Amino acid sequence: MTRELRLVLGLVLVVIVGLTAAGCRMAAEPSATAPEVAAEPETPVVIVAYYPLTESHQYIVDYLREVESAHPGQVSVEAVDMQSPEGRERWQDTGLSCAGVFVNGDTRHHITVDGETRTVDFLKRMDVFWTREDFEAVVNDLLGETGQADEATAEETE
């Protein structure tokens, strides 16, 4: 193999690795392209998930439905099938380049765990690129900010 060919192959490999590592990118202003939702907008937390609704992604939708069930009247979930014509159009309108979950119009959120604030982005696969714990921290934060969690607790104790 000639030196030039090795150099070209090495360059191609670097480009491929760079593109793979870059993965999904979000538009600079994710909330500016937040989708119209069919979920219940009167709930304090509105979740819209864009995934191919296939067997390999069903566990994510099932988890989101569990979050909705755990917070009745406070959390609503809509799952949009990116593989359907309507779903693909809605997904493209968001500015995403891969699957993702919008929580109140944004995929990116800040959470504080053990006194440390960090950013989480609900893009790609759950349990690989983001965790259930991070997702629940965002939902719980939002419910606390709206006062809904406190009101529910107060009603239960009366």
N, C-alpha and C. Protein backbone atom coordinates (compact mmCIF):
# COMPACT_ATOMS: atom_id res chain seq x y z
N MET A 1 0.86 -1.17 0.00
CA MET A 1 0.00 0.00 0.00
C MET A 1 0.90 1.23 0.00
N THR A 2 0.60 2.14 -0.88
CA THR A 2 1.43 3.33 -1.00
C THR A 2 1.15 4.30 0.14
N ARG A 3 2.07 5.19 0.34
CA ARG A 3 1.93 6.17 1.40
C ARG A 3 0.72 7.07 1.17
N GLU A 4 0.50 7.48 -0.06
CA GLU A 4 -0.64 8.35 -0.39
C GLU A 4 -1.96 7.65 -0.09
N LEU A 5 -2.06 6.37 -0.44
CA LEU A 5 -3.29 5.62 -0.21
C LEU A 5 -3.55 5.47 1.29
N ARG A 6 -2.50 5.19 2.06
CA ARG A 6 -2.65 5.11 3.52
C ARG A 6 -3.10 6.44 4.10
N LEU A 7 -2.56 7.53 3.59
CA LEU A 7 -2.94 8.86 4.06
C LEU A 7 -4.42 9.14 3.75
N VAL A 8 -4.86 8.81 2.55
CA VAL A 8 -6.27 9.03 2.17
C VAL A 8 -7.18 8.16 3.03
N LEU A 9 -6.83 6.89 3.21
CA LEU A 9 -7.65 5.99 4.03
C LEU A 9 -7.71 6.48 5.48
N GLY A 10 -6.60 6.96 5.99
CA GLY A 10 -6.58 7.51 7.34
C GLY A 10 -7.47 8.72 7.46
N LEU A 11 -7.43 9.59 6.46
CA LEU A 11 -8.28 10.78 6.46
C LEU A 11 -9.76 10.39 6.40
N VAL A 12 -10.09 9.42 5.57
CA VAL A 12 -11.48 8.94 5.47
C VAL A 12 -11.93 8.39 6.82
N LEU A 13 -11.07 7.64 7.47
CA LEU A 13 -11.40 7.07 8.78
C LEU A 13 -11.65 8.18 9.81
N VAL A 14 -10.81 9.20 9.80
CA VAL A 14 -10.99 10.32 10.73
C VAL A 14 -12.33 11.02 10.49
N VAL A 15 -12.68 11.21 9.23
CA VAL A 15 -13.96 11.86 8.90
C VAL A 15 -15.12 11.00 9.37
N ILE A 16 -15.07 9.71 9.14
CA ILE A 16 -16.14 8.81 9.56
C ILE A 16 -16.28 8.81 11.07
N VAL A 17 -15.18 8.71 11.78
CA VAL A 17 -15.23 8.73 13.25
C VAL A 17 -15.78 10.06 13.74
N GLY A 18 -15.37 11.15 13.13
CA GLY A 18 -15.86 12.46 13.54
C GLY A 18 -17.35 12.61 13.33
N LEU A 19 -17.85 12.13 12.21
CA LEU A 19 -19.28 12.20 11.95
C LEU A 19 -20.06 11.31 12.92
N THR A 20 -19.53 10.15 13.20
CA THR A 20 -20.19 9.24 14.13
C THR A 20 -20.19 9.84 15.53
N ALA A 21 -19.08 10.39 15.96
CA ALA A 21 -18.99 10.96 17.30
C ALA A 21 -19.89 12.17 17.44
N ALA A 22 -20.06 12.94 16.37
CA ALA A 22 -20.92 14.11 16.43
C ALA A 22 -22.35 13.72 16.68
N GLY A 23 -22.76 12.59 16.13
CA GLY A 23 -24.11 12.07 16.37
C GLY A 23 -25.17 13.08 16.02
N CYS A 24 -26.23 13.09 16.79
CA CYS A 24 -27.36 13.98 16.53
C CYS A 24 -27.03 15.37 17.02
N ARG A 25 -27.47 16.33 16.29
CA ARG A 25 -27.28 17.72 16.68
C ARG A 25 -28.65 18.37 16.78
N MET A 26 -28.74 19.30 17.66
CA MET A 26 -29.98 20.03 17.85
C MET A 26 -29.80 21.41 17.24
N ALA A 27 -30.86 21.99 16.76
CA ALA A 27 -30.81 23.37 16.28
C ALA A 27 -30.32 24.26 17.42
N ALA A 28 -29.71 25.38 17.07
CA ALA A 28 -29.12 26.26 18.09
C ALA A 28 -30.14 26.68 19.14
N GLU A 29 -31.38 26.90 18.76
CA GLU A 29 -32.43 27.31 19.68
C GLU A 29 -33.52 26.25 19.70
N PRO A 30 -33.35 25.15 20.47
CA PRO A 30 -34.31 24.07 20.41
C PRO A 30 -35.73 24.49 20.76
N SER A 31 -35.91 25.37 21.70
CA SER A 31 -37.26 25.74 22.08
C SER A 31 -37.93 26.59 21.01
N ALA A 32 -37.14 27.21 20.11
CA ALA A 32 -37.72 28.02 19.05
C ALA A 32 -38.42 27.15 18.02
N THR A 33 -38.06 25.88 17.94
CA THR A 33 -38.68 24.98 16.97
C THR A 33 -39.50 23.91 17.66
N ALA A 34 -39.90 24.15 18.88
CA ALA A 34 -40.69 23.17 19.61
C ALA A 34 -41.95 22.83 18.84
N PRO A 35 -42.31 21.55 18.81
CA PRO A 35 -43.42 21.11 17.98
C PRO A 35 -44.78 21.48 18.56
N GLU A 36 -45.76 21.55 17.66
CA GLU A 36 -47.15 21.61 18.11
C GLU A 36 -47.43 20.25 18.73
N VAL A 37 -48.18 20.20 19.82
CA VAL A 37 -48.38 18.93 20.49
C VAL A 37 -49.83 18.52 20.53
N ALA A 38 -50.05 17.20 20.47
CA ALA A 38 -51.38 16.65 20.64
C ALA A 38 -51.56 16.15 22.07
N ALA A 39 -50.46 16.19 22.85
CA ALA A 39 -50.56 15.81 24.26
C ALA A 39 -51.43 16.86 24.95
N GLU A 40 -51.82 16.60 26.16
CA GLU A 40 -52.71 17.51 26.87
C GLU A 40 -51.94 18.74 27.34
N PRO A 41 -52.09 19.88 26.64
CA PRO A 41 -51.29 21.06 27.00
C PRO A 41 -51.68 21.67 28.33
N GLU A 42 -52.82 21.28 28.91
CA GLU A 42 -53.19 21.85 30.21
C GLU A 42 -52.44 21.17 31.36
N THR A 43 -51.68 20.14 31.08
CA THR A 43 -50.88 19.53 32.14
C THR A 43 -49.60 20.33 32.33
N PRO A 44 -49.07 20.37 33.55
CA PRO A 44 -47.83 21.14 33.78
C PRO A 44 -46.62 20.61 33.02
N VAL A 45 -46.60 19.29 32.74
CA VAL A 45 -45.47 18.70 32.02
C VAL A 45 -46.02 18.01 30.77
N VAL A 46 -45.57 18.50 29.61
CA VAL A 46 -45.99 17.94 28.32
C VAL A 46 -44.77 17.31 27.67
N ILE A 47 -44.86 16.01 27.40
CA ILE A 47 -43.76 15.24 26.81
C ILE A 47 -44.17 14.82 25.41
N VAL A 48 -43.31 15.11 24.43
CA VAL A 48 -43.53 14.66 23.06
C VAL A 48 -42.26 13.93 22.63
N ALA A 49 -42.41 12.64 22.33
CA ALA A 49 -41.27 11.80 21.97
C ALA A 49 -41.32 11.46 20.49
N TYR A 50 -40.21 11.65 19.82
CA TYR A 50 -40.08 11.33 18.39
C TYR A 50 -39.14 10.14 18.25
N TYR A 51 -39.72 8.99 17.93
CA TYR A 51 -38.95 7.76 17.74
C TYR A 51 -39.60 6.94 16.64
N PRO A 52 -38.83 6.05 16.00
CA PRO A 52 -39.50 5.06 15.16
C PRO A 52 -40.23 4.12 16.12
N LEU A 53 -41.52 4.00 15.98
CA LEU A 53 -42.27 3.18 16.92
C LEU A 53 -42.17 1.71 16.52
N THR A 54 -40.97 1.18 16.73
CA THR A 54 -40.67 -0.20 16.42
C THR A 54 -40.41 -0.95 17.72
N GLU A 55 -40.29 -2.25 17.61
CA GLU A 55 -40.06 -3.07 18.80
C GLU A 55 -38.80 -2.63 19.55
N SER A 56 -37.77 -2.23 18.83
CA SER A 56 -36.51 -1.86 19.49
C SER A 56 -36.59 -0.53 20.24
N HIS A 57 -37.61 0.29 19.98
CA HIS A 57 -37.78 1.56 20.68
C HIS A 57 -38.98 1.57 21.60
N GLN A 58 -39.76 0.52 21.60
CA GLN A 58 -41.00 0.49 22.38
C GLN A 58 -40.74 0.67 23.87
N TYR A 59 -39.62 0.18 24.37
CA TYR A 59 -39.33 0.31 25.80
C TYR A 59 -39.25 1.77 26.24
N ILE A 60 -38.85 2.66 25.34
CA ILE A 60 -38.76 4.08 25.67
C ILE A 60 -40.17 4.65 25.83
N VAL A 61 -41.04 4.34 24.88
CA VAL A 61 -42.43 4.81 24.95
C VAL A 61 -43.11 4.22 26.18
N ASP A 62 -42.86 2.94 26.46
CA ASP A 62 -43.46 2.32 27.65
C ASP A 62 -43.02 3.04 28.91
N TYR A 63 -41.73 3.38 28.99
CA TYR A 63 -41.23 4.11 30.15
C TYR A 63 -41.91 5.47 30.29
N LEU A 64 -42.01 6.20 29.18
CA LEU A 64 -42.64 7.52 29.23
C LEU A 64 -44.10 7.41 29.67
N ARG A 65 -44.79 6.38 29.23
CA ARG A 65 -46.18 6.15 29.66
C ARG A 65 -46.23 5.85 31.17
N GLU A 66 -45.22 5.15 31.68
CA GLU A 66 -45.15 4.90 33.13
C GLU A 66 -45.01 6.21 33.89
N VAL A 67 -44.19 7.12 33.37
CA VAL A 67 -44.03 8.43 34.00
C VAL A 67 -45.37 9.16 33.99
N GLU A 68 -46.08 9.09 32.88
CA GLU A 68 -47.39 9.73 32.78
C GLU A 68 -48.36 9.12 33.80
N SER A 69 -48.37 7.80 33.92
CA SER A 69 -49.26 7.12 34.87
C SER A 69 -48.92 7.45 36.32
N ALA A 70 -47.64 7.67 36.59
CA ALA A 70 -47.20 7.98 37.95
C ALA A 70 -47.61 9.40 38.37
N HIS A 71 -47.97 10.23 37.40
CA HIS A 71 -48.33 11.63 37.67
C HIS A 71 -49.64 11.98 36.94
N PRO A 72 -50.74 11.33 37.31
CA PRO A 72 -52.00 11.57 36.59
C PRO A 72 -52.44 13.04 36.68
N GLY A 73 -52.83 13.57 35.52
CA GLY A 73 -53.27 14.95 35.47
C GLY A 73 -52.15 15.97 35.50
N GLN A 74 -50.91 15.51 35.67
CA GLN A 74 -49.77 16.43 35.76
C GLN A 74 -48.82 16.27 34.59
N VAL A 75 -48.79 15.07 34.01
CA VAL A 75 -47.87 14.76 32.92
C VAL A 75 -48.68 14.16 31.78
N SER A 76 -48.44 14.64 30.56
CA SER A 76 -49.05 14.03 29.38
C SER A 76 -47.95 13.64 28.40
N VAL A 77 -48.18 12.54 27.69
CA VAL A 77 -47.18 12.00 26.78
C VAL A 77 -47.81 11.79 25.41
N GLU A 78 -47.07 12.20 24.39
CA GLU A 78 -47.43 11.87 23.02
C GLU A 78 -46.22 11.23 22.37
N ALA A 79 -46.41 10.07 21.75
CA ALA A 79 -45.36 9.40 21.01
C ALA A 79 -45.63 9.57 19.52
N VAL A 80 -44.67 10.13 18.81
CA VAL A 80 -44.81 10.40 17.38
C VAL A 80 -43.92 9.42 16.63
N ASP A 81 -44.52 8.68 15.70
CA ASP A 81 -43.78 7.70 14.90
C ASP A 81 -43.05 8.41 13.76
N MET A 82 -41.74 8.49 13.88
CA MET A 82 -40.92 9.15 12.87
C MET A 82 -40.97 8.46 11.52
N GLN A 83 -41.46 7.22 11.48
CA GLN A 83 -41.48 6.48 10.23
C GLN A 83 -42.79 6.65 9.46
N SER A 84 -43.79 7.23 10.07
CA SER A 84 -45.04 7.51 9.35
C SER A 84 -44.85 8.82 8.60
N PRO A 85 -45.57 9.03 7.49
CA PRO A 85 -45.41 10.30 6.75
C PRO A 85 -45.71 11.53 7.62
N GLU A 86 -46.80 11.51 8.38
CA GLU A 86 -47.14 12.65 9.24
C GLU A 86 -46.11 12.82 10.34
N GLY A 87 -45.70 11.70 10.95
CA GLY A 87 -44.70 11.75 12.02
C GLY A 87 -43.36 12.26 11.53
N ARG A 88 -42.95 11.82 10.33
CA ARG A 88 -41.67 12.28 9.78
C ARG A 88 -41.72 13.79 9.54
N GLU A 89 -42.84 14.28 9.02
CA GLU A 89 -42.98 15.72 8.78
C GLU A 89 -42.91 16.51 10.10
N ARG A 90 -43.62 16.03 11.10
CA ARG A 90 -43.58 16.70 12.42
C ARG A 90 -42.17 16.67 13.00
N TRP A 91 -41.51 15.53 12.88
CA TRP A 91 -40.14 15.38 13.39
C TRP A 91 -39.21 16.35 12.67
N GLN A 92 -39.32 16.44 11.36
CA GLN A 92 -38.46 17.35 10.61
C GLN A 92 -38.69 18.80 11.01
N ASP A 93 -39.94 19.15 11.32
CA ASP A 93 -40.26 20.52 11.74
C ASP A 93 -39.60 20.90 13.07
N THR A 94 -39.19 19.91 13.87
CA THR A 94 -38.58 20.22 15.16
C THR A 94 -37.13 20.68 15.03
N GLY A 95 -36.49 20.33 13.93
CA GLY A 95 -35.07 20.64 13.77
C GLY A 95 -34.15 19.55 14.28
N LEU A 96 -34.71 18.47 14.81
CA LEU A 96 -33.89 17.35 15.26
C LEU A 96 -33.31 16.62 14.06
N SER A 97 -32.17 15.96 14.27
CA SER A 97 -31.60 15.11 13.22
C SER A 97 -31.59 13.66 13.66
N CYS A 98 -32.18 13.40 14.81
CA CYS A 98 -32.31 12.03 15.30
C CYS A 98 -33.49 11.99 16.27
N ALA A 99 -33.72 10.85 16.85
CA ALA A 99 -34.82 10.70 17.80
C ALA A 99 -34.58 11.54 19.03
N GLY A 100 -35.68 11.91 19.70
CA GLY A 100 -35.53 12.70 20.91
C GLY A 100 -36.84 12.90 21.63
N VAL A 101 -36.73 13.41 22.85
CA VAL A 101 -37.90 13.66 23.70
C VAL A 101 -37.90 15.13 24.11
N PHE A 102 -38.99 15.82 23.76
CA PHE A 102 -39.20 17.19 24.21
C PHE A 102 -39.96 17.16 25.52
N VAL A 103 -39.49 17.88 26.49
CA VAL A 103 -40.20 18.06 27.76
C VAL A 103 -40.49 19.55 27.86
N ASN A 104 -41.76 19.89 27.83
CA ASN A 104 -42.19 21.29 27.82
C ASN A 104 -41.47 22.10 26.74
N GLY A 105 -41.38 21.51 25.55
CA GLY A 105 -40.87 22.22 24.39
C GLY A 105 -39.38 22.23 24.19
N ASP A 106 -38.63 21.47 24.99
CA ASP A 106 -37.17 21.47 24.86
C ASP A 106 -36.62 20.09 25.15
N THR A 107 -35.54 19.72 24.47
CA THR A 107 -34.87 18.45 24.78
C THR A 107 -33.76 18.64 25.81
N ARG A 108 -33.29 19.86 25.95
CA ARG A 108 -32.15 20.15 26.83
C ARG A 108 -32.62 20.78 28.12
N HIS A 109 -32.15 20.23 29.24
CA HIS A 109 -32.55 20.72 30.56
C HIS A 109 -31.35 20.71 31.50
N HIS A 110 -31.45 21.49 32.57
CA HIS A 110 -30.41 21.54 33.60
C HIS A 110 -30.96 20.87 34.85
N ILE A 111 -30.16 20.00 35.44
CA ILE A 111 -30.56 19.36 36.69
C ILE A 111 -29.44 19.53 37.70
N THR A 112 -29.82 19.51 38.96
CA THR A 112 -28.83 19.58 40.03
C THR A 112 -28.93 18.29 40.83
N VAL A 113 -27.82 17.58 40.88
CA VAL A 113 -27.74 16.33 41.62
C VAL A 113 -26.55 16.42 42.56
N ASP A 114 -26.79 16.19 43.84
CA ASP A 114 -25.74 16.28 44.85
C ASP A 114 -24.99 17.61 44.78
N GLY A 115 -25.75 18.69 44.58
CA GLY A 115 -25.17 20.02 44.56
C GLY A 115 -24.47 20.39 43.27
N GLU A 116 -24.44 19.50 42.30
CA GLU A 116 -23.75 19.78 41.04
C GLU A 116 -24.78 19.93 39.93
N THR A 117 -24.75 21.07 39.23
CA THR A 117 -25.67 21.32 38.13
C THR A 117 -25.02 20.87 36.84
N ARG A 118 -25.80 20.15 36.03
CA ARG A 118 -25.31 19.72 34.73
C ARG A 118 -26.44 19.74 33.72
N THR A 119 -26.08 19.67 32.47
CA THR A 119 -27.05 19.71 31.38
C THR A 119 -27.30 18.29 30.89
N VAL A 120 -28.58 17.98 30.68
CA VAL A 120 -28.95 16.70 30.07
C VAL A 120 -29.72 17.00 28.80
N ASP A 121 -29.55 16.16 27.81
CA ASP A 121 -30.22 16.32 26.52
C ASP A 121 -30.87 15.00 26.16
N PHE A 122 -32.17 15.01 26.03
CA PHE A 122 -32.92 13.78 25.80
C PHE A 122 -32.99 13.46 24.31
N LEU A 123 -31.83 13.18 23.75
CA LEU A 123 -31.70 12.79 22.35
C LEU A 123 -31.22 11.35 22.27
N LYS A 124 -31.57 10.71 21.18
CA LYS A 124 -31.17 9.33 20.90
C LYS A 124 -31.80 8.37 21.90
N ARG A 125 -31.08 7.29 22.19
CA ARG A 125 -31.63 6.20 23.01
C ARG A 125 -31.51 6.44 24.51
N MET A 126 -32.61 6.13 25.20
CA MET A 126 -32.58 6.13 26.66
C MET A 126 -31.70 4.98 27.13
N ASP A 127 -31.08 5.14 28.26
CA ASP A 127 -30.19 4.16 28.89
C ASP A 127 -28.84 4.05 28.18
N VAL A 128 -28.66 4.81 27.09
CA VAL A 128 -27.37 4.87 26.42
C VAL A 128 -26.86 6.31 26.45
N PHE A 129 -27.71 7.24 26.01
CA PHE A 129 -27.31 8.64 25.92
C PHE A 129 -27.91 9.50 27.03
N TRP A 130 -28.96 9.02 27.68
CA TRP A 130 -29.57 9.70 28.83
C TRP A 130 -30.21 8.66 29.72
N THR A 131 -30.38 9.02 30.98
CA THR A 131 -30.86 8.03 31.95
C THR A 131 -32.27 8.34 32.42
N ARG A 132 -32.90 7.31 32.93
CA ARG A 132 -34.23 7.45 33.53
C ARG A 132 -34.16 8.39 34.74
N GLU A 133 -33.10 8.29 35.50
CA GLU A 133 -32.94 9.12 36.69
C GLU A 133 -32.89 10.60 36.31
N ASP A 134 -32.14 10.92 35.24
CA ASP A 134 -32.07 12.30 34.78
C ASP A 134 -33.43 12.78 34.30
N PHE A 135 -34.15 11.92 33.60
CA PHE A 135 -35.47 12.29 33.09
C PHE A 135 -36.43 12.56 34.25
N GLU A 136 -36.41 11.67 35.23
CA GLU A 136 -37.29 11.85 36.39
C GLU A 136 -36.93 13.10 37.19
N ALA A 137 -35.64 13.43 37.24
CA ALA A 137 -35.22 14.66 37.93
C ALA A 137 -35.81 15.88 37.24
N VAL A 138 -35.82 15.89 35.91
CA VAL A 138 -36.39 17.02 35.16
C VAL A 138 -37.89 17.10 35.40
N VAL A 139 -38.59 15.97 35.30
CA VAL A 139 -40.04 15.96 35.50
C VAL A 139 -40.37 16.43 36.91
N ASN A 140 -39.68 15.90 37.89
CA ASN A 140 -39.94 16.29 39.29
C ASN A 140 -39.64 17.77 39.52
N ASP A 141 -38.57 18.26 38.91
CA ASP A 141 -38.24 19.68 38.99
C ASP A 141 -39.38 20.54 38.44
N LEU A 142 -39.87 20.17 37.27
CA LEU A 142 -40.93 20.93 36.63
C LEU A 142 -42.22 20.87 37.43
N LEU A 143 -42.52 19.75 38.00
CA LEU A 143 -43.73 19.65 38.83
C LEU A 143 -43.59 20.49 40.09
N GLY A 144 -42.41 20.53 40.64
CA GLY A 144 -42.17 21.37 41.83
C GLY A 144 -42.26 22.84 41.51
N GLU A 145 -41.78 23.25 40.33
CA GLU A 145 -41.82 24.65 39.92
C GLU A 145 -43.26 25.12 39.71
N THR A 146 -44.14 24.23 39.28
CA THR A 146 -45.52 24.64 39.01
C THR A 146 -46.37 24.61 40.26
N GLY A 147 -45.83 24.02 41.33
CA GLY A 147 -46.59 23.90 42.57
C GLY A 147 -47.54 22.72 42.57
N GLN A 148 -47.61 22.01 41.45
CA GLN A 148 -48.54 20.89 41.33
C GLN A 148 -48.19 19.75 42.28
N ALA A 149 -46.93 19.46 42.42
CA ALA A 149 -46.53 18.35 43.30
C ALA A 149 -46.89 18.68 44.74
N ASP A 150 -46.66 19.92 45.17
CA ASP A 150 -46.98 20.32 46.54
C ASP A 150 -48.49 20.29 46.77
N GLU A 151 -49.28 20.77 45.79
CA GLU A 151 -50.73 20.77 45.94
C GLU A 151 -51.28 19.36 46.06
N ALA A 152 -50.75 18.43 45.27
CA ALA A 152 -51.23 17.06 45.34
C ALA A 152 -50.93 16.46 46.70
N THR A 153 -49.76 16.75 47.23
CA THR A 153 -49.40 16.23 48.55
C THR A 153 -50.30 16.81 49.62
N ALA A 154 -50.59 18.11 49.51
CA ALA A 154 -51.45 18.76 50.51
C ALA A 154 -52.86 18.19 50.47
N GLU A 155 -53.38 17.92 49.27
CA GLU A 155 -54.72 17.36 49.14
C GLU A 155 -54.81 15.96 49.71
N GLU A 156 -53.75 15.18 49.51
CA GLU A 156 -53.73 13.81 50.02
C GLU A 156 -53.71 13.77 51.54
N THR A 157 -53.11 14.76 52.17
CA THR A 157 -52.98 14.75 53.63
C THR A 157 -54.21 15.29 54.33
N GLU A 158 -55.11 15.96 53.57
CA GLU A 158 -56.32 16.52 54.21
C GLU A 158 -57.34 15.46 54.50
